[in-house]
Amino acid sequence: LVLGLVLFATLCPQVSVADAVCTERLLRMELKQDLADNGILDCSRVNPPAHFKSESIDEQNRRLAAQWDTDCSFESDSNWPSQLGLNLVDATGELVSANDPDQADMCEIMRAYIASGVLGNSDVTSITTDMVEKIDC
């Protein structure tokens, strides 16, 4: 799976290297941390604690680690969904009509690629770390 050329060709005119440098290693780390929190890609930059539920230190650490807060958490000004020919989906795999400005674009891109079946399994609610390891950009 070679996403790098497509992603950089699409996003680089709008996002300069000085603005964001999302490396493959960083992308994999962000995806794994997001999945470790609750098994799905929320793509959220901020994960507030659940209301009326106490969380253990481990749960709190996973929730905070799942926040997209690295160079992979950028928001592009481009119309990347149409440029990439992708159908956007939410964390449960439901089609959505627009890019969510509260979610990291790189995560939304990965979720859309996974939903399209490019990594073999198109169910975004059952993404494995093995699937994340297949990413080669």
N, C-alpha and C. Protein backbone atom coordinates (compact mmCIF):
# COMPACT_ATOMS: atom_id res chain seq x y z
N LEU A 1 0.85 -1.17 0.00
CA LEU A 1 0.00 0.00 0.00
C LEU A 1 0.89 1.23 0.00
N VAL A 2 0.85 1.96 -1.07
CA VAL A 2 1.68 3.15 -1.18
C VAL A 2 0.77 4.37 -1.18
N LEU A 3 0.61 4.95 0.00
CA LEU A 3 -0.26 6.11 0.14
C LEU A 3 0.52 7.41 0.02
N GLY A 4 1.80 7.35 0.29
CA GLY A 4 2.61 8.55 0.38
C GLY A 4 2.52 9.46 -0.82
N LEU A 5 2.70 8.92 -2.01
CA LEU A 5 2.68 9.75 -3.20
C LEU A 5 1.32 10.41 -3.40
N VAL A 6 0.26 9.63 -3.20
CA VAL A 6 -1.08 10.17 -3.37
C VAL A 6 -1.35 11.23 -2.32
N LEU A 7 -1.03 10.94 -1.06
CA LEU A 7 -1.31 11.88 0.02
C LEU A 7 -0.50 13.16 -0.13
N PHE A 8 0.80 13.01 -0.39
CA PHE A 8 1.63 14.20 -0.49
C PHE A 8 1.28 15.01 -1.74
N ALA A 9 0.98 14.36 -2.84
CA ALA A 9 0.60 15.09 -4.06
C ALA A 9 -0.70 15.85 -3.85
N THR A 10 -1.58 15.29 -3.04
CA THR A 10 -2.87 15.92 -2.79
C THR A 10 -2.77 17.02 -1.75
N LEU A 11 -2.06 16.76 -0.66
CA LEU A 11 -2.07 17.68 0.47
C LEU A 11 -0.93 18.67 0.49
N CYS A 12 0.18 18.37 -0.15
CA CYS A 12 1.35 19.24 -0.06
C CYS A 12 1.12 20.66 -0.59
N PRO A 13 0.36 20.85 -1.64
CA PRO A 13 0.16 22.24 -2.06
C PRO A 13 -0.52 23.09 -0.99
N GLN A 14 -1.31 22.46 -0.12
CA GLN A 14 -2.05 23.20 0.88
C GLN A 14 -1.36 23.17 2.26
N VAL A 15 -0.57 22.14 2.54
CA VAL A 15 0.09 21.99 3.82
C VAL A 15 1.59 21.91 3.57
N SER A 16 2.32 22.90 3.98
CA SER A 16 3.75 22.89 3.73
C SER A 16 4.47 21.98 4.71
N VAL A 17 5.66 21.54 4.34
CA VAL A 17 6.45 20.68 5.20
C VAL A 17 6.72 21.36 6.52
N ALA A 18 6.86 22.67 6.51
CA ALA A 18 7.08 23.40 7.75
C ALA A 18 5.87 23.33 8.67
N ASP A 19 4.68 23.18 8.08
CA ASP A 19 3.45 23.11 8.87
C ASP A 19 3.25 21.73 9.49
N ALA A 20 3.51 20.67 8.74
CA ALA A 20 3.26 19.32 9.24
C ALA A 20 4.16 18.33 8.53
N VAL A 21 4.78 17.48 9.30
CA VAL A 21 5.59 16.39 8.75
C VAL A 21 5.10 15.11 9.43
N CYS A 22 4.14 14.48 8.81
CA CYS A 22 3.55 13.26 9.36
C CYS A 22 4.30 12.07 8.77
N THR A 23 5.22 11.54 9.53
CA THR A 23 5.99 10.40 9.06
C THR A 23 5.19 9.11 9.18
N GLU A 24 5.63 8.10 8.49
CA GLU A 24 4.97 6.80 8.57
C GLU A 24 4.98 6.27 10.00
N ARG A 25 6.11 6.41 10.67
CA ARG A 25 6.23 5.94 12.05
C ARG A 25 5.25 6.68 12.96
N LEU A 26 5.16 7.98 12.80
CA LEU A 26 4.26 8.80 13.61
C LEU A 26 2.80 8.46 13.31
N LEU A 27 2.48 8.26 12.04
CA LEU A 27 1.12 7.89 11.66
C LEU A 27 0.73 6.56 12.28
N ARG A 28 1.59 5.57 12.19
CA ARG A 28 1.29 4.27 12.80
C ARG A 28 1.08 4.40 14.30
N MET A 29 1.94 5.20 14.96
CA MET A 29 1.82 5.38 16.40
C MET A 29 0.46 6.01 16.75
N GLU A 30 0.09 7.06 16.02
CA GLU A 30 -1.20 7.72 16.28
C GLU A 30 -2.37 6.76 16.08
N LEU A 31 -2.33 5.99 15.00
CA LEU A 31 -3.40 5.03 14.72
C LEU A 31 -3.50 3.97 15.82
N LYS A 32 -2.36 3.44 16.23
CA LYS A 32 -2.36 2.41 17.28
C LYS A 32 -2.85 2.97 18.61
N GLN A 33 -2.46 4.19 18.94
CA GLN A 33 -2.92 4.79 20.19
C GLN A 33 -4.42 5.04 20.16
N ASP A 34 -4.93 5.49 19.03
CA ASP A 34 -6.36 5.72 18.89
C ASP A 34 -7.12 4.41 19.03
N LEU A 35 -6.64 3.37 18.39
CA LEU A 35 -7.29 2.06 18.47
C LEU A 35 -7.22 1.47 19.88
N ALA A 36 -6.12 1.69 20.57
CA ALA A 36 -5.94 1.14 21.92
C ALA A 36 -6.95 1.71 22.91
N ASP A 37 -7.44 2.90 22.64
CA ASP A 37 -8.38 3.55 23.56
C ASP A 37 -9.72 2.83 23.59
N ASN A 38 -10.33 2.61 22.42
CA ASN A 38 -11.66 1.99 22.40
C ASN A 38 -11.91 1.11 21.18
N GLY A 39 -10.86 0.76 20.45
CA GLY A 39 -10.98 -0.17 19.34
C GLY A 39 -11.42 0.44 18.02
N ILE A 40 -11.66 1.75 17.98
CA ILE A 40 -12.06 2.40 16.74
C ILE A 40 -11.25 3.67 16.54
N LEU A 41 -11.25 4.15 15.30
CA LEU A 41 -10.55 5.40 14.99
C LEU A 41 -11.51 6.57 15.16
N ASP A 42 -11.42 7.21 16.32
CA ASP A 42 -12.22 8.41 16.58
C ASP A 42 -11.65 9.62 15.86
N CYS A 43 -10.32 9.62 15.71
CA CYS A 43 -9.61 10.70 15.01
C CYS A 43 -9.68 12.03 15.75
N SER A 44 -10.03 12.02 17.01
CA SER A 44 -10.24 13.25 17.78
C SER A 44 -8.93 13.88 18.24
N ARG A 45 -8.90 15.19 18.16
CA ARG A 45 -7.75 15.92 18.70
C ARG A 45 -7.88 16.09 20.20
N VAL A 46 -9.11 16.07 20.71
CA VAL A 46 -9.36 16.20 22.15
C VAL A 46 -10.36 15.12 22.55
N ASN A 47 -9.99 14.32 23.55
CA ASN A 47 -10.86 13.26 24.05
C ASN A 47 -11.22 13.57 25.50
N PRO A 48 -12.34 14.23 25.73
CA PRO A 48 -12.72 14.52 27.11
C PRO A 48 -13.15 13.24 27.83
N PRO A 49 -13.06 13.22 29.15
CA PRO A 49 -13.50 12.04 29.88
C PRO A 49 -15.01 11.84 29.73
N ALA A 50 -15.42 10.59 29.82
CA ALA A 50 -16.85 10.29 29.73
C ALA A 50 -17.57 10.86 30.95
N HIS A 51 -18.77 11.35 30.73
CA HIS A 51 -19.56 11.90 31.83
C HIS A 51 -20.09 10.77 32.71
N PHE A 52 -20.14 10.99 33.98
CA PHE A 52 -20.73 10.06 34.94
C PHE A 52 -20.06 8.69 34.95
N LYS A 53 -18.79 8.64 34.58
CA LYS A 53 -18.05 7.37 34.62
C LYS A 53 -16.65 7.66 35.11
N SER A 54 -16.28 7.00 36.18
CA SER A 54 -14.91 7.18 36.64
C SER A 54 -14.01 6.28 35.79
N GLU A 55 -12.79 6.72 35.58
CA GLU A 55 -11.86 5.93 34.78
C GLU A 55 -10.60 5.66 35.59
N SER A 56 -10.03 4.51 35.34
CA SER A 56 -8.78 4.16 36.01
C SER A 56 -7.65 4.99 35.41
N ILE A 57 -6.52 4.96 36.06
CA ILE A 57 -5.34 5.67 35.54
C ILE A 57 -4.98 5.12 34.16
N ASP A 58 -5.07 3.79 33.98
CA ASP A 58 -4.76 3.17 32.69
C ASP A 58 -5.74 3.64 31.61
N GLU A 59 -7.03 3.70 31.94
CA GLU A 59 -8.03 4.17 30.97
C GLU A 59 -7.78 5.64 30.63
N GLN A 60 -7.44 6.44 31.63
CA GLN A 60 -7.16 7.85 31.39
C GLN A 60 -5.93 8.01 30.49
N ASN A 61 -4.90 7.22 30.76
CA ASN A 61 -3.68 7.30 29.93
C ASN A 61 -3.97 6.90 28.49
N ARG A 62 -4.77 5.85 28.26
CA ARG A 62 -5.12 5.44 26.90
C ARG A 62 -5.95 6.52 26.20
N ARG A 63 -6.90 7.11 26.93
CA ARG A 63 -7.74 8.17 26.36
C ARG A 63 -6.90 9.37 25.94
N LEU A 64 -5.98 9.78 26.80
CA LEU A 64 -5.15 10.94 26.49
C LEU A 64 -4.15 10.63 25.37
N ALA A 65 -3.61 9.42 25.37
CA ALA A 65 -2.67 9.03 24.30
C ALA A 65 -3.38 8.96 22.95
N ALA A 66 -4.68 8.66 22.97
CA ALA A 66 -5.46 8.52 21.73
C ALA A 66 -5.72 9.86 21.05
N GLN A 67 -5.51 10.96 21.74
CA GLN A 67 -5.71 12.27 21.14
C GLN A 67 -4.70 12.48 20.01
N TRP A 68 -5.19 12.90 18.87
CA TRP A 68 -4.32 13.21 17.74
C TRP A 68 -3.69 14.57 18.00
N ASP A 69 -2.42 14.56 18.43
CA ASP A 69 -1.76 15.79 18.85
C ASP A 69 -0.34 15.93 18.32
N THR A 70 -0.03 15.19 17.28
CA THR A 70 1.30 15.28 16.66
C THR A 70 1.17 15.97 15.30
N ASP A 71 2.24 15.94 14.52
CA ASP A 71 2.20 16.52 13.18
C ASP A 71 1.22 15.81 12.25
N CYS A 72 0.72 14.65 12.65
CA CYS A 72 -0.27 13.94 11.84
C CYS A 72 -1.69 14.45 12.11
N SER A 73 -1.83 15.41 13.01
CA SER A 73 -3.18 15.87 13.39
C SER A 73 -3.62 17.11 12.63
N PHE A 74 -2.97 17.42 11.52
CA PHE A 74 -3.27 18.65 10.79
C PHE A 74 -4.68 18.64 10.19
N GLU A 75 -5.13 19.83 9.87
CA GLU A 75 -6.39 20.03 9.15
C GLU A 75 -6.04 20.76 7.86
N SER A 76 -6.31 20.15 6.74
CA SER A 76 -5.99 20.71 5.44
C SER A 76 -7.12 21.62 4.94
N ASP A 77 -6.74 22.61 4.15
CA ASP A 77 -7.73 23.48 3.53
C ASP A 77 -8.21 22.93 2.18
N SER A 78 -7.57 21.86 1.72
CA SER A 78 -7.93 21.32 0.40
C SER A 78 -9.21 20.49 0.48
N ASN A 79 -9.74 20.18 -0.68
CA ASN A 79 -10.91 19.31 -0.78
C ASN A 79 -10.41 17.89 -1.05
N TRP A 80 -9.65 17.36 -0.10
CA TRP A 80 -8.99 16.07 -0.30
C TRP A 80 -9.93 14.90 -0.52
N PRO A 81 -11.13 14.85 0.08
CA PRO A 81 -11.98 13.68 -0.19
C PRO A 81 -12.28 13.51 -1.68
N SER A 82 -12.63 14.60 -2.35
CA SER A 82 -12.93 14.47 -3.79
C SER A 82 -11.65 14.29 -4.59
N GLN A 83 -10.56 14.93 -4.17
CA GLN A 83 -9.29 14.77 -4.88
C GLN A 83 -8.79 13.33 -4.82
N LEU A 84 -9.02 12.66 -3.69
CA LEU A 84 -8.59 11.27 -3.55
C LEU A 84 -9.65 10.28 -4.01
N GLY A 85 -10.84 10.76 -4.29
CA GLY A 85 -11.93 9.88 -4.73
C GLY A 85 -12.39 8.96 -3.62
N LEU A 86 -12.39 9.46 -2.39
CA LEU A 86 -12.75 8.64 -1.24
C LEU A 86 -14.13 8.97 -0.71
N ASN A 87 -14.81 7.95 -0.21
CA ASN A 87 -16.05 8.15 0.52
C ASN A 87 -15.71 8.28 1.99
N LEU A 88 -16.11 9.36 2.60
CA LEU A 88 -15.82 9.56 4.02
C LEU A 88 -16.76 8.74 4.88
N VAL A 89 -16.20 8.19 5.94
CA VAL A 89 -16.99 7.43 6.91
C VAL A 89 -16.64 7.90 8.31
N ASP A 90 -17.59 7.70 9.22
CA ASP A 90 -17.30 8.04 10.61
C ASP A 90 -16.66 6.84 11.30
N ALA A 91 -16.49 6.93 12.60
CA ALA A 91 -15.78 5.89 13.36
C ALA A 91 -16.51 4.54 13.33
N THR A 92 -17.80 4.55 13.02
CA THR A 92 -18.55 3.30 12.97
C THR A 92 -18.74 2.78 11.55
N GLY A 93 -18.20 3.52 10.56
CA GLY A 93 -18.29 3.09 9.17
C GLY A 93 -19.46 3.67 8.40
N GLU A 94 -20.25 4.53 9.05
CA GLU A 94 -21.37 5.17 8.37
C GLU A 94 -20.86 6.27 7.45
N LEU A 95 -21.42 6.35 6.25
CA LEU A 95 -21.05 7.41 5.31
C LEU A 95 -21.39 8.77 5.90
N VAL A 96 -20.47 9.71 5.71
CA VAL A 96 -20.71 11.10 6.11
C VAL A 96 -20.50 11.98 4.90
N SER A 97 -21.12 13.14 4.91
CA SER A 97 -21.08 14.00 3.72
C SER A 97 -19.92 14.98 3.71
N ALA A 98 -19.28 15.18 4.88
CA ALA A 98 -18.22 16.19 4.92
C ALA A 98 -17.11 15.81 5.89
N ASN A 99 -15.96 16.33 5.61
CA ASN A 99 -14.79 16.21 6.47
C ASN A 99 -15.12 16.90 7.80
N ASP A 100 -14.80 16.25 8.92
CA ASP A 100 -15.06 16.80 10.24
C ASP A 100 -13.88 17.65 10.68
N PRO A 101 -14.05 18.95 10.86
CA PRO A 101 -12.92 19.82 11.23
C PRO A 101 -12.36 19.53 12.63
N ASP A 102 -13.10 18.78 13.44
CA ASP A 102 -12.61 18.42 14.78
C ASP A 102 -11.80 17.13 14.79
N GLN A 103 -11.68 16.51 13.62
CA GLN A 103 -10.93 15.26 13.51
C GLN A 103 -9.72 15.45 12.60
N ALA A 104 -8.64 14.75 12.93
CA ALA A 104 -7.40 14.84 12.16
C ALA A 104 -7.63 14.30 10.74
N ASP A 105 -7.28 15.11 9.74
CA ASP A 105 -7.50 14.71 8.35
C ASP A 105 -6.76 13.42 8.00
N MET A 106 -5.54 13.26 8.47
CA MET A 106 -4.79 12.04 8.13
C MET A 106 -5.51 10.80 8.66
N CYS A 107 -6.09 10.90 9.83
CA CYS A 107 -6.87 9.79 10.38
C CYS A 107 -8.13 9.54 9.56
N GLU A 108 -8.81 10.61 9.17
CA GLU A 108 -10.00 10.47 8.34
C GLU A 108 -9.66 9.84 6.99
N ILE A 109 -8.50 10.20 6.45
CA ILE A 109 -8.03 9.60 5.20
C ILE A 109 -7.81 8.11 5.38
N MET A 110 -7.13 7.74 6.45
CA MET A 110 -6.86 6.32 6.70
C MET A 110 -8.16 5.56 6.91
N ARG A 111 -9.09 6.15 7.64
CA ARG A 111 -10.39 5.50 7.87
C ARG A 111 -11.12 5.30 6.54
N ALA A 112 -11.07 6.29 5.65
CA ALA A 112 -11.72 6.18 4.34
C ALA A 112 -11.05 5.11 3.48
N TYR A 113 -9.71 5.07 3.52
CA TYR A 113 -9.00 4.02 2.76
C TYR A 113 -9.35 2.64 3.29
N ILE A 114 -9.38 2.49 4.60
CA ILE A 114 -9.72 1.20 5.19
C ILE A 114 -11.15 0.81 4.78
N ALA A 115 -12.08 1.75 4.85
CA ALA A 115 -13.47 1.46 4.47
C ALA A 115 -13.58 1.06 3.00
N SER A 116 -12.66 1.54 2.18
CA SER A 116 -12.69 1.18 0.75
C SER A 116 -12.12 -0.22 0.50
N GLY A 117 -11.56 -0.84 1.54
CA GLY A 117 -11.05 -2.20 1.42
C GLY A 117 -9.60 -2.29 0.99
N VAL A 118 -8.89 -1.19 0.96
CA VAL A 118 -7.52 -1.18 0.46
C VAL A 118 -6.57 -2.03 1.34
N LEU A 119 -6.92 -2.24 2.60
CA LEU A 119 -6.09 -3.08 3.47
C LEU A 119 -6.67 -4.48 3.65
N GLY A 120 -7.64 -4.83 2.82
CA GLY A 120 -8.23 -6.17 2.88
C GLY A 120 -9.57 -6.18 3.58
N ASN A 121 -9.65 -5.66 4.77
CA ASN A 121 -10.87 -5.62 5.56
C ASN A 121 -11.46 -4.21 5.46
N SER A 122 -12.72 -4.10 5.11
CA SER A 122 -13.32 -2.77 4.96
C SER A 122 -14.14 -2.36 6.18
N ASP A 123 -14.12 -3.15 7.24
CA ASP A 123 -14.88 -2.84 8.45
C ASP A 123 -14.03 -1.95 9.36
N VAL A 124 -14.37 -0.67 9.43
CA VAL A 124 -13.56 0.26 10.24
C VAL A 124 -13.73 0.05 11.73
N THR A 125 -14.66 -0.81 12.13
CA THR A 125 -14.82 -1.10 13.56
C THR A 125 -14.00 -2.31 14.00
N SER A 126 -13.26 -2.91 13.07
CA SER A 126 -12.42 -4.06 13.45
C SER A 126 -11.02 -3.94 12.83
N ILE A 127 -10.42 -2.78 13.01
CA ILE A 127 -9.07 -2.53 12.51
C ILE A 127 -8.07 -3.15 13.48
N THR A 128 -7.13 -3.90 12.95
CA THR A 128 -6.11 -4.54 13.79
C THR A 128 -4.78 -3.83 13.65
N THR A 129 -3.90 -4.09 14.61
CA THR A 129 -2.55 -3.53 14.51
C THR A 129 -1.82 -4.13 13.30
N ASP A 130 -2.15 -5.34 12.91
CA ASP A 130 -1.55 -5.92 11.70
C ASP A 130 -1.92 -5.09 10.46
N MET A 131 -3.15 -4.60 10.42
CA MET A 131 -3.57 -3.75 9.30
C MET A 131 -2.78 -2.45 9.32
N VAL A 132 -2.58 -1.89 10.50
CA VAL A 132 -1.80 -0.64 10.63
C VAL A 132 -0.38 -0.86 10.16
N GLU A 133 0.18 -2.03 10.44
CA GLU A 133 1.55 -2.33 10.02
C GLU A 133 1.69 -2.46 8.51
N LYS A 134 0.59 -2.69 7.79
CA LYS A 134 0.63 -2.79 6.33
C LYS A 134 0.80 -1.43 5.65
N ILE A 135 0.59 -0.37 6.40
CA ILE A 135 0.70 0.97 5.82
C ILE A 135 2.14 1.23 5.44
N ASP A 136 2.34 1.59 4.19
CA ASP A 136 3.68 1.85 3.67
C ASP A 136 3.63 3.13 2.84
N CYS A 137 4.08 4.22 3.44
CA CYS A 137 4.00 5.48 2.69
C CYS A 137 5.30 6.19 2.67
